[in-house]
Amino acid sequence: MVLRPGSSEKTMTYKLKYHSDVKKTDLPKIDAKNRNMIKKAIEERLARQPEIYGKPLQRTLKGYWKLRVGDYRIIFKVAGNSVLIFGIIHRKEVYMLIEKRLEA
């Protein structure tokens, strides 16, 4: 069964887990307006239907997903009933920084 955005079907709620650098490094760089948009997207999209709203990444980031929120990209992975958020980074630098973060 495939759930569509806006579907009235009852959906599973995923547990959100953040990489330590998200709160320490990523969020302080984001202005309040964008931070609120990102928070809303995480709560309404990632926590409910990450595979529907996200887009799978390829090549070296295969197995990871991205969610576009304005000029920012949320890089995450779905593991069982959890969504692991590895980065919330501006689109200009996201892929360079996220690969370094995942290697560590």
PDB file of N, CA and C in Angstrom:
ATOM      1  N   MET A   1       0.844  -1.182   0.000  1.00  0.00           N
ATOM      2  CA  MET A   1       0.000   0.000   0.000  1.00  0.00           C
ATOM      3  C   MET A   1       0.885   1.239   0.000  1.00  0.00           C
ATOM      4  N   VAL A   2       0.628   2.146  -0.909  1.00  0.00           N
ATOM      5  CA  VAL A   2       1.395   3.383  -1.001  1.00  0.00           C
ATOM      6  C   VAL A   2       0.535   4.513  -0.471  1.00  0.00           C
ATOM      7  N   LEU A   3       1.078   5.253   0.467  1.00  0.00           N
ATOM      8  CA  LEU A   3       0.351   6.393   1.011  1.00  0.00           C
ATOM      9  C   LEU A   3       0.754   7.642   0.250  1.00  0.00           C
ATOM     10  N   ARG A   4      -0.166   8.434  -0.088  1.00  0.00           N
ATOM     11  CA  ARG A   4       0.070   9.673  -0.821  1.00  0.00           C
ATOM     12  C   ARG A   4       0.039  10.862   0.134  1.00  0.00           C
ATOM     13  N   PRO A   5       0.779  11.927  -0.208  1.00  0.00           N
ATOM     14  CA  PRO A   5       0.701  13.138   0.621  1.00  0.00           C
ATOM     15  C   PRO A   5      -0.752  13.598   0.728  1.00  0.00           C
ATOM     16  N   GLY A   6      -1.151  13.955   1.916  1.00  0.00           N
ATOM     17  CA  GLY A   6      -2.514  14.400   2.145  1.00  0.00           C
ATOM     18  C   GLY A   6      -3.504  13.277   2.309  1.00  0.00           C
ATOM     19  N   SER A   7      -3.035  12.051   2.290  1.00  0.00           N
ATOM     20  CA  SER A   7      -3.913  10.905   2.428  1.00  0.00           C
ATOM     21  C   SER A   7      -4.537  10.892   3.818  1.00  0.00           C
ATOM     22  N   SER A   8      -5.759  10.433   3.896  1.00  0.00           N
ATOM     23  CA  SER A   8      -6.430  10.374   5.191  1.00  0.00           C
ATOM     24  C   SER A   8      -6.147   9.060   5.917  1.00  0.00           C
ATOM     25  N   GLU A   9      -5.354   8.177   5.285  1.00  0.00           N
ATOM     26  CA  GLU A   9      -4.993   6.914   5.932  1.00  0.00           C
ATOM     27  C   GLU A   9      -4.212   7.188   7.209  1.00  0.00           C
ATOM     28  N   LYS A  10      -4.379   6.352   8.181  1.00  0.00           N
ATOM     29  CA  LYS A  10      -3.630   6.482   9.426  1.00  0.00           C
ATOM     30  C   LYS A  10      -2.163   6.120   9.148  1.00  0.00           C
ATOM     31  N   THR A  11      -1.246   6.982   9.562  1.00  0.00           N
ATOM     32  CA  THR A  11       0.158   6.756   9.265  1.00  0.00           C
ATOM     33  C   THR A  11       0.944   6.514  10.540  1.00  0.00           C
ATOM     34  N   MET A  12       2.049   5.819  10.363  1.00  0.00           N
ATOM     35  CA  MET A  12       2.947   5.521  11.470  1.00  0.00           C
ATOM     36  C   MET A  12       3.749   6.779  11.805  1.00  0.00           C
ATOM     37  N   THR A  13       4.024   6.987  13.066  1.00  0.00           N
ATOM     38  CA  THR A  13       4.876   8.091  13.463  1.00  0.00           C
ATOM     39  C   THR A  13       6.263   7.545  13.740  1.00  0.00           C
ATOM     40  N   TYR A  14       7.248   8.143  13.110  1.00  0.00           N
ATOM     41  CA  TYR A  14       8.631   7.726  13.272  1.00  0.00           C
ATOM     42  C   TYR A  14       9.280   8.495  14.412  1.00  0.00           C
ATOM     43  N   LYS A  15      10.189   7.836  15.080  1.00  0.00           N
ATOM     44  CA  LYS A  15      10.968   8.483  16.130  1.00  0.00           C
ATOM     45  C   LYS A  15      12.122   9.224  15.457  1.00  0.00           C
ATOM     46  N   LEU A  16      12.324  10.477  15.819  1.00  0.00           N
ATOM     47  CA  LEU A  16      13.374  11.297  15.212  1.00  0.00           C
ATOM     48  C   LEU A  16      14.627  11.265  16.070  1.00  0.00           C
ATOM     49  N   LYS A  17      15.765  10.975  15.429  1.00  0.00           N
ATOM     50  CA  LYS A  17      17.050  10.971  16.120  1.00  0.00           C
ATOM     51  C   LYS A  17      18.000  11.854  15.329  1.00  0.00           C
ATOM     52  N   TYR A  18      18.714  12.725  16.049  1.00  0.00           N
ATOM     53  CA  TYR A  18      19.578  13.703  15.403  1.00  0.00           C
ATOM     54  C   TYR A  18      21.054  13.400  15.632  1.00  0.00           C
ATOM     55  N   HIS A  19      21.853  13.572  14.590  1.00  0.00           N
ATOM     56  CA  HIS A  19      23.312  13.516  14.719  1.00  0.00           C
ATOM     57  C   HIS A  19      23.719  14.687  15.619  1.00  0.00           C
ATOM     58  N   SER A  20      24.743  14.517  16.428  1.00  0.00           N
ATOM     59  CA  SER A  20      25.141  15.568  17.377  1.00  0.00           C
ATOM     60  C   SER A  20      25.504  16.881  16.683  1.00  0.00           C
ATOM     61  N   ASP A  21      26.025  16.830  15.463  1.00  0.00           N
ATOM     62  CA  ASP A  21      26.396  18.056  14.752  1.00  0.00           C
ATOM     63  C   ASP A  21      25.199  18.870  14.274  1.00  0.00           C
ATOM     64  N   VAL A  22      24.030  18.268  14.192  1.00  0.00           N
ATOM     65  CA  VAL A  22      22.849  19.012  13.745  1.00  0.00           C
ATOM     66  C   VAL A  22      22.560  20.139  14.735  1.00  0.00           C
ATOM     67  N   LYS A  23      22.481  19.806  16.008  1.00  0.00           N
ATOM     68  CA  LYS A  23      22.164  20.831  17.009  1.00  0.00           C
ATOM     69  C   LYS A  23      23.351  21.726  17.316  1.00  0.00           C
ATOM     70  N   LYS A  24      24.538  21.154  17.245  1.00  0.00           N
ATOM     71  CA  LYS A  24      25.746  21.894  17.607  1.00  0.00           C
ATOM     72  C   LYS A  24      26.225  22.806  16.481  1.00  0.00           C
ATOM     73  N   THR A  25      26.145  22.361  15.231  1.00  0.00           N
ATOM     74  CA  THR A  25      26.736  23.078  14.107  1.00  0.00           C
ATOM     75  C   THR A  25      25.707  23.630  13.125  1.00  0.00           C
ATOM     76  N   ASP A  26      24.740  22.813  12.736  1.00  0.00           N
ATOM     77  CA  ASP A  26      23.818  23.209  11.663  1.00  0.00           C
ATOM     78  C   ASP A  26      22.779  24.245  12.091  1.00  0.00           C
ATOM     79  N   LEU A  27      22.054  23.974  13.159  1.00  0.00           N
ATOM     80  CA  LEU A  27      20.957  24.861  13.550  1.00  0.00           C
ATOM     81  C   LEU A  27      21.391  26.286  13.904  1.00  0.00           C
ATOM     82  N   PRO A  28      22.525  26.483  14.586  1.00  0.00           N
ATOM     83  CA  PRO A  28      22.917  27.864  14.885  1.00  0.00           C
ATOM     84  C   PRO A  28      23.185  28.726  13.640  1.00  0.00           C
ATOM     85  N   LYS A  29      23.456  28.123  12.499  1.00  0.00           N
ATOM     86  CA  LYS A  29      23.732  28.857  11.261  1.00  0.00           C
ATOM     87  C   LYS A  29      22.461  29.282  10.535  1.00  0.00           C
ATOM     88  N   ILE A  30      21.316  28.760  10.946  1.00  0.00           N
ATOM     89  CA  ILE A  30      20.062  28.979  10.222  1.00  0.00           C
ATOM     90  C   ILE A  30      19.244  30.061  10.924  1.00  0.00           C
ATOM     91  N   ASP A  31      18.730  31.022  10.123  1.00  0.00           N
ATOM     92  CA  ASP A  31      17.929  32.102  10.703  1.00  0.00           C
ATOM     93  C   ASP A  31      16.586  31.559  11.200  1.00  0.00           C
ATOM     94  N   ALA A  32      15.921  32.340  12.044  1.00  0.00           N
ATOM     95  CA  ALA A  32      14.704  31.887  12.726  1.00  0.00           C
ATOM     96  C   ALA A  32      13.587  31.505  11.756  1.00  0.00           C
ATOM     97  N   LYS A  33      13.407  32.262  10.691  1.00  0.00           N
ATOM     98  CA  LYS A  33      12.334  31.969   9.724  1.00  0.00           C
ATOM     99  C   LYS A  33      12.549  30.597   9.083  1.00  0.00           C
ATOM    100  N   ASN A  34      13.759  30.339   8.610  1.00  0.00           N
ATOM    101  CA  ASN A  34      14.052  29.043   7.997  1.00  0.00           C
ATOM    102  C   ASN A  34      14.035  27.914   9.013  1.00  0.00           C
ATOM    103  N   ARG A  35      14.476  28.188  10.232  1.00  0.00           N
ATOM    104  CA  ARG A  35      14.464  27.173  11.287  1.00  0.00           C
ATOM    105  C   ARG A  35      13.031  26.724  11.566  1.00  0.00           C
ATOM    106  N   ASN A  36      12.090  27.667  11.580  1.00  0.00           N
ATOM    107  CA  ASN A  36      10.682  27.322  11.809  1.00  0.00           C
ATOM    108  C   ASN A  36      10.113  26.496  10.653  1.00  0.00           C
ATOM    109  N   MET A  37      10.471  26.862   9.406  1.00  0.00           N
ATOM    110  CA  MET A  37      10.023  26.081   8.243  1.00  0.00           C
ATOM    111  C   MET A  37      10.572  24.658   8.307  1.00  0.00           C
ATOM    112  N   ILE A  38      11.832  24.531   8.686  1.00  0.00           N
ATOM    113  CA  ILE A  38      12.480  23.219   8.771  1.00  0.00           C
ATOM    114  C   ILE A  38      11.842  22.381   9.875  1.00  0.00           C
ATOM    115  N   LYS A  39      11.604  23.003  11.018  1.00  0.00           N
ATOM    116  CA  LYS A  39      10.968  22.290  12.141  1.00  0.00           C
ATOM    117  C   LYS A  39       9.591  21.763  11.733  1.00  0.00           C
ATOM    118  N   LYS A  40       8.826  22.596  11.049  1.00  0.00           N
ATOM    119  CA  LYS A  40       7.494  22.197  10.606  1.00  0.00           C
ATOM    120  C   LYS A  40       7.582  21.039   9.604  1.00  0.00           C
ATOM    121  N   ALA A  41       8.538  21.116   8.671  1.00  0.00           N
ATOM    122  CA  ALA A  41       8.706  20.051   7.674  1.00  0.00           C
ATOM    123  C   ALA A  41       9.097  18.734   8.332  1.00  0.00           C
ATOM    124  N   ILE A  42       9.984  18.800   9.316  1.00  0.00           N
ATOM    125  CA  ILE A  42      10.397  17.581  10.024  1.00  0.00           C
ATOM    126  C   ILE A  42       9.216  16.961  10.757  1.00  0.00           C
ATOM    127  N   GLU A  43       8.458  17.784  11.468  1.00  0.00           N
ATOM    128  CA  GLU A  43       7.331  17.277  12.256  1.00  0.00           C
ATOM    129  C   GLU A  43       6.192  16.760  11.377  1.00  0.00           C
ATOM    130  N   GLU A  44       5.910  17.451  10.271  1.00  0.00           N
ATOM    131  CA  GLU A  44       4.761  17.087   9.445  1.00  0.00           C
ATOM    132  C   GLU A  44       5.094  16.077   8.344  1.00  0.00           C
ATOM    133  N   ARG A  45       6.348  16.051   7.890  1.00  0.00           N
ATOM    134  CA  ARG A  45       6.699  15.164   6.782  1.00  0.00           C
ATOM    135  C   ARG A  45       7.578  13.998   7.220  1.00  0.00           C
ATOM    136  N   LEU A  46       8.749  14.317   7.774  1.00  0.00           N
ATOM    137  CA  LEU A  46       9.691  13.246   8.119  1.00  0.00           C
ATOM    138  C   LEU A  46       9.162  12.339   9.218  1.00  0.00           C
ATOM    139  N   ALA A  47       8.498  12.898  10.195  1.00  0.00           N
ATOM    140  CA  ALA A  47       8.013  12.089  11.312  1.00  0.00           C
ATOM    141  C   ALA A  47       6.845  11.193  10.907  1.00  0.00           C
ATOM    142  N   ARG A  48       6.214  11.492   9.772  1.00  0.00           N
ATOM    143  CA  ARG A  48       5.043  10.713   9.368  1.00  0.00           C
ATOM    144  C   ARG A  48       5.270   9.863   8.126  1.00  0.00           C
ATOM    145  N   GLN A  49       5.839  10.454   7.062  1.00  0.00           N
ATOM    146  CA  GLN A  49       5.995   9.725   5.801  1.00  0.00           C
ATOM    147  C   GLN A  49       7.308  10.111   5.117  1.00  0.00           C
ATOM    148  N   PRO A  50       8.431   9.712   5.677  1.00  0.00           N
ATOM    149  CA  PRO A  50       9.717  10.135   5.104  1.00  0.00           C
ATOM    150  C   PRO A  50       9.966   9.640   3.684  1.00  0.00           C
ATOM    151  N   GLU A  51       9.522   8.440   3.339  1.00  0.00           N
ATOM    152  CA  GLU A  51       9.755   7.909   1.995  1.00  0.00           C
ATOM    153  C   GLU A  51       8.876   8.587   0.944  1.00  0.00           C
ATOM    154  N   ILE A  52       7.767   9.151   1.363  1.00  0.00           N
ATOM    155  CA  ILE A  52       6.868   9.830   0.435  1.00  0.00           C
ATOM    156  C   ILE A  52       7.422  11.222   0.107  1.00  0.00           C
ATOM    157  N   TYR A  53       7.836  11.954   1.120  1.00  0.00           N
ATOM    158  CA  TYR A  53       8.281  13.329   0.922  1.00  0.00           C
ATOM    159  C   TYR A  53       9.762  13.436   0.564  1.00  0.00           C
ATOM    160  N   GLY A  54      10.569  12.490   1.004  1.00  0.00           N
ATOM    161  CA  GLY A  54      11.997  12.541   0.732  1.00  0.00           C
ATOM    162  C   GLY A  54      12.333  11.999  -0.641  1.00  0.00           C
ATOM    163  N   LYS A  55      13.570  12.249  -1.051  1.00  0.00           N
ATOM    164  CA  LYS A  55      14.063  11.740  -2.329  1.00  0.00           C
ATOM    165  C   LYS A  55      15.332  10.950  -2.052  1.00  0.00           C
ATOM    166  N   PRO A  56      15.432   9.721  -2.581  1.00  0.00           N
ATOM    167  CA  PRO A  56      16.631   8.927  -2.307  1.00  0.00           C
ATOM    168  C   PRO A  56      17.870   9.528  -2.978  1.00  0.00           C
ATOM    169  N   LEU A  57      18.988   9.447  -2.287  1.00  0.00           N
ATOM    170  CA  LEU A  57      20.250   9.935  -2.831  1.00  0.00           C
ATOM    171  C   LEU A  57      20.960   8.801  -3.557  1.00  0.00           C
ATOM    172  N   GLN A  58      21.937   9.158  -4.378  1.00  0.00           N
ATOM    173  CA  GLN A  58      22.616   8.166  -5.200  1.00  0.00           C
ATOM    174  C   GLN A  58      24.114   8.184  -4.942  1.00  0.00           C
ATOM    175  N   ARG A  59      24.802   7.314  -5.640  1.00  0.00           N
ATOM    176  CA  ARG A  59      26.252   7.174  -5.630  1.00  0.00           C
ATOM    177  C   ARG A  59      26.778   6.968  -4.217  1.00  0.00           C
ATOM    178  N   THR A  60      27.668   7.849  -3.749  1.00  0.00           N
ATOM    179  CA  THR A  60      28.303   7.639  -2.444  1.00  0.00           C
ATOM    180  C   THR A  60      27.325   7.802  -1.283  1.00  0.00           C
ATOM    181  N   LEU A  61      26.180   8.407  -1.523  1.00  0.00           N
ATOM    182  CA  LEU A  61      25.182   8.596  -0.462  1.00  0.00           C
ATOM    183  C   LEU A  61      23.982   7.661  -0.633  1.00  0.00           C
ATOM    184  N   LYS A  62      24.170   6.595  -1.384  1.00  0.00           N
ATOM    185  CA  LYS A  62      23.095   5.620  -1.582  1.00  0.00           C
ATOM    186  C   LYS A  62      22.674   5.059  -0.220  1.00  0.00           C
ATOM    187  N   GLY A  63      21.381   4.967  -0.002  1.00  0.00           N
ATOM    188  CA  GLY A  63      20.852   4.511   1.284  1.00  0.00           C
ATOM    189  C   GLY A  63      20.394   5.669   2.152  1.00  0.00           C
ATOM    190  N   TYR A  64      20.799   6.876   1.773  1.00  0.00           N
ATOM    191  CA  TYR A  64      20.375   8.087   2.486  1.00  0.00           C
ATOM    192  C   TYR A  64      19.329   8.802   1.642  1.00  0.00           C
ATOM    193  N   TRP A  65      18.593   9.682   2.292  1.00  0.00           N
ATOM    194  CA  TRP A  65      17.521  10.424   1.648  1.00  0.00           C
ATOM    195  C   TRP A  65      17.729  11.911   1.905  1.00  0.00           C
ATOM    196  N   LYS A  66      17.058  12.740   1.088  1.00  0.00           N
ATOM    197  CA  LYS A  66      17.073  14.182   1.334  1.00  0.00           C
ATOM    198  C   LYS A  66      15.651  14.706   1.315  1.00  0.00           C
ATOM    199  N   LEU A  67      15.443  15.751   2.082  1.00  0.00           N
ATOM    200  CA  LEU A  67      14.185  16.489   2.053  1.00  0.00           C
ATOM    201  C   LEU A  67      14.560  17.939   1.805  1.00  0.00           C
ATOM    202  N   ARG A  68      13.984  18.529   0.775  1.00  0.00           N
ATOM    203  CA  ARG A  68      14.268  19.917   0.433  1.00  0.00           C
ATOM    204  C   ARG A  68      13.304  20.828   1.166  1.00  0.00           C
ATOM    205  N   VAL A  69      13.869  21.800   1.888  1.00  0.00           N
ATOM    206  CA  VAL A  69      13.060  22.804   2.576  1.00  0.00           C
ATOM    207  C   VAL A  69      13.689  24.158   2.247  1.00  0.00           C
ATOM    208  N   GLY A  70      13.116  24.856   1.285  1.00  0.00           N
ATOM    209  CA  GLY A  70      13.691  26.122   0.828  1.00  0.00           C
ATOM    210  C   GLY A  70      15.087  25.871   0.267  1.00  0.00           C
ATOM    211  N   ASP A  71      16.062  26.635   0.750  1.00  0.00           N
ATOM    212  CA  ASP A  71      17.453  26.477   0.306  1.00  0.00           C
ATOM    213  C   ASP A  71      18.216  25.454   1.136  1.00  0.00           C
ATOM    214  N   TYR A  72      17.548  24.766   2.033  1.00  0.00           N
ATOM    215  CA  TYR A  72      18.216  23.807   2.908  1.00  0.00           C
ATOM    216  C   TYR A  72      17.835  22.381   2.536  1.00  0.00           C
ATOM    217  N   ARG A  73      18.752  21.467   2.830  1.00  0.00           N
ATOM    218  CA  ARG A  73      18.513  20.050   2.601  1.00  0.00           C
ATOM    219  C   ARG A  73      18.670  19.311   3.922  1.00  0.00           C
ATOM    220  N   ILE A  74      17.722  18.464   4.223  1.00  0.00           N
ATOM    221  CA  ILE A  74      17.787  17.615   5.402  1.00  0.00           C
ATOM    222  C   ILE A  74      18.210  16.236   4.904  1.00  0.00           C
ATOM    223  N   ILE A  75      19.354  15.758   5.359  1.00  0.00           N
ATOM    224  CA  ILE A  75      19.858  14.453   4.957  1.00  0.00           C
ATOM    225  C   ILE A  75      19.503  13.465   6.070  1.00  0.00           C
ATOM    226  N   PHE A  76      18.842  12.374   5.696  1.00  0.00           N
ATOM    227  CA  PHE A  76      18.373  11.427   6.704  1.00  0.00           C
ATOM    228  C   PHE A  76      18.419   9.999   6.182  1.00  0.00           C
ATOM    229  N   LYS A  77      18.216   9.078   7.111  1.00  0.00           N
ATOM    230  CA  LYS A  77      18.142   7.652   6.792  1.00  0.00           C
ATOM    231  C   LYS A  77      17.002   7.067   7.611  1.00  0.00           C
ATOM    232  N   VAL A  78      16.227   6.196   6.989  1.00  0.00           N
ATOM    233  CA  VAL A  78      15.131   5.531   7.691  1.00  0.00           C
ATOM    234  C   VAL A  78      15.651   4.191   8.178  1.00  0.00           C
ATOM    235  N   ALA A  79      15.515   3.952   9.469  1.00  0.00           N
ATOM    236  CA  ALA A  79      15.961   2.697  10.079  1.00  0.00           C
ATOM    237  C   ALA A  79      14.833   2.167  10.960  1.00  0.00           C
ATOM    238  N   GLY A  80      14.080   1.232  10.434  1.00  0.00           N
ATOM    239  CA  GLY A  80      12.959   0.680  11.199  1.00  0.00           C
ATOM    240  C   GLY A  80      11.904   1.743  11.430  1.00  0.00           C
ATOM    241  N   ASN A  81      11.618   2.016  12.697  1.00  0.00           N
ATOM    242  CA  ASN A  81      10.618   3.040  13.024  1.00  0.00           C
ATOM    243  C   ASN A  81      11.281   4.362  13.429  1.00  0.00           C
ATOM    244  N   SER A  82      12.544   4.544  13.049  1.00  0.00           N
ATOM    245  CA  SER A  82      13.275   5.773  13.355  1.00  0.00           C
ATOM    246  C   SER A  82      13.746   6.469  12.087  1.00  0.00           C
ATOM    247  N   VAL A  83      13.805   7.784  12.170  1.00  0.00           N
ATOM    248  CA  VAL A  83      14.412   8.593  11.117  1.00  0.00           C
ATOM    249  C   VAL A  83      15.653   9.218  11.738  1.00  0.00           C
ATOM    250  N   LEU A  84      16.812   8.875  11.177  1.00  0.00           N
ATOM    251  CA  LEU A  84      18.077   9.407  11.671  1.00  0.00           C
ATOM    252  C   LEU A  84      18.442  10.615  10.823  1.00  0.00           C
ATOM    253  N   ILE A  85      18.487  11.794  11.436  1.00  0.00           N
ATOM    254  CA  ILE A  85      18.783  13.026  10.713  1.00  0.00           C
ATOM    255  C   ILE A  85      20.263  13.343  10.891  1.00  0.00           C
ATOM    256  N   PHE A  86      20.995  13.353   9.770  1.00  0.00           N
ATOM    257  CA  PHE A  86      22.444  13.544   9.801  1.00  0.00           C
ATOM    258  C   PHE A  86      22.874  14.966   9.527  1.00  0.00           C
ATOM    259  N   GLY A  87      22.030  15.762   8.903  1.00  0.00           N
ATOM    260  CA  GLY A  87      22.418  17.132   8.617  1.00  0.00           C
ATOM    261  C   GLY A  87      21.269  17.970   8.116  1.00  0.00           C
ATOM    262  N   ILE A  88      21.317  19.271   8.460  1.00  0.00           N
ATOM    263  CA  ILE A  88      20.395  20.272   7.929  1.00  0.00           C
ATOM    264  C   ILE A  88      21.309  21.398   7.450  1.00  0.00           C
ATOM    265  N   ILE A  89      21.609  21.375   6.157  1.00  0.00           N
ATOM    266  CA  ILE A  89      22.687  22.206   5.627  1.00  0.00           C
ATOM    267  C   ILE A  89      22.220  22.921   4.361  1.00  0.00           C
ATOM    268  N   HIS A  90      22.725  24.134   4.145  1.00  0.00           N
ATOM    269  CA  HIS A  90      22.400  24.914   2.953  1.00  0.00           C
ATOM    270  C   HIS A  90      22.778  24.133   1.699  1.00  0.00           C
ATOM    271  N   ARG A  91      22.002  24.288   0.663  1.00  0.00           N
ATOM    272  CA  ARG A  91      22.176  23.499  -0.562  1.00  0.00           C
ATOM    273  C   ARG A  91      23.540  23.670  -1.219  1.00  0.00           C
ATOM    274  N   LYS A  92      24.188  24.814  -1.023  1.00  0.00           N
ATOM    275  CA  LYS A  92      25.490  25.056  -1.655  1.00  0.00           C
ATOM    276  C   LYS A  92      26.597  24.178  -1.092  1.00  0.00           C
ATOM    277  N   GLU A  93      26.465  23.778   0.169  1.00  0.00           N
ATOM    278  CA  GLU A  93      27.553  23.032   0.800  1.00  0.00           C
ATOM    279  C   GLU A  93      27.152  21.688   1.375  1.00  0.00           C
ATOM    280  N   VAL A  94      25.906  21.293   1.195  1.00  0.00           N
ATOM    281  CA  VAL A  94      25.403  20.105   1.874  1.00  0.00           C
ATOM    282  C   VAL A  94      26.156  18.830   1.509  1.00  0.00           C
ATOM    283  N   TYR A  95      26.397  18.583   0.238  1.00  0.00           N
ATOM    284  CA  TYR A  95      26.952  17.289  -0.143  1.00  0.00           C
ATOM    285  C   TYR A  95      28.426  17.162   0.223  1.00  0.00           C
ATOM    286  N   MET A  96      29.154  18.261   0.156  1.00  0.00           N
ATOM    287  CA  MET A  96      30.554  18.243   0.565  1.00  0.00           C
ATOM    288  C   MET A  96      30.658  17.988   2.080  1.00  0.00           C
ATOM    289  N   LEU A  97      29.844  18.691   2.861  1.00  0.00           N
ATOM    290  CA  LEU A  97      29.916  18.562   4.317  1.00  0.00           C
ATOM    291  C   LEU A  97      29.339  17.245   4.827  1.00  0.00           C
ATOM    292  N   ILE A  98      28.274  16.772   4.206  1.00  0.00           N
ATOM    293  CA  ILE A  98      27.628  15.565   4.731  1.00  0.00           C
ATOM    294  C   ILE A  98      28.504  14.328   4.529  1.00  0.00           C
ATOM    295  N   GLU A  99      29.236  14.260   3.437  1.00  0.00           N
ATOM    296  CA  GLU A  99      30.124  13.112   3.225  1.00  0.00           C
ATOM    297  C   GLU A  99      31.206  13.075   4.289  1.00  0.00           C
ATOM    298  N   LYS A 100      31.746  14.227   4.649  1.00  0.00           N
ATOM    299  CA  LYS A 100      32.758  14.281   5.703  1.00  0.00           C
ATOM    300  C   LYS A 100      32.159  13.861   7.042  1.00  0.00           C
ATOM    301  N   ARG A 101      30.939  14.292   7.302  1.00  0.00           N
ATOM    302  CA  ARG A 101      30.276  13.965   8.558  1.00  0.00           C
ATOM    303  C   ARG A 101      29.993  12.466   8.672  1.00  0.00           C
ATOM    304  N   LEU A 102      29.597  11.854   7.591  1.00  0.00           N
ATOM    305  CA  LEU A 102      29.267  10.434   7.604  1.00  0.00           C
ATOM    306  C   LEU A 102      30.510   9.555   7.699  1.00  0.00           C
ATOM    307  N   GLU A 103      31.638  10.059   7.206  1.00  0.00           N
ATOM    308  CA  GLU A 103      32.894   9.296   7.291  1.00  0.00           C
ATOM    309  C   GLU A 103      33.419   9.238   8.718  1.00  0.00           C
ATOM    310  N   ALA A 104      33.138  10.278   9.499  1.00  0.00           N
ATOM    311  CA  ALA A 104      33.685  10.355  10.860  1.00  0.00           C
ATOM    312  C   ALA A 104      33.042   9.367  11.799  1.00  0.00           C
TER     313      ALA A 104
END
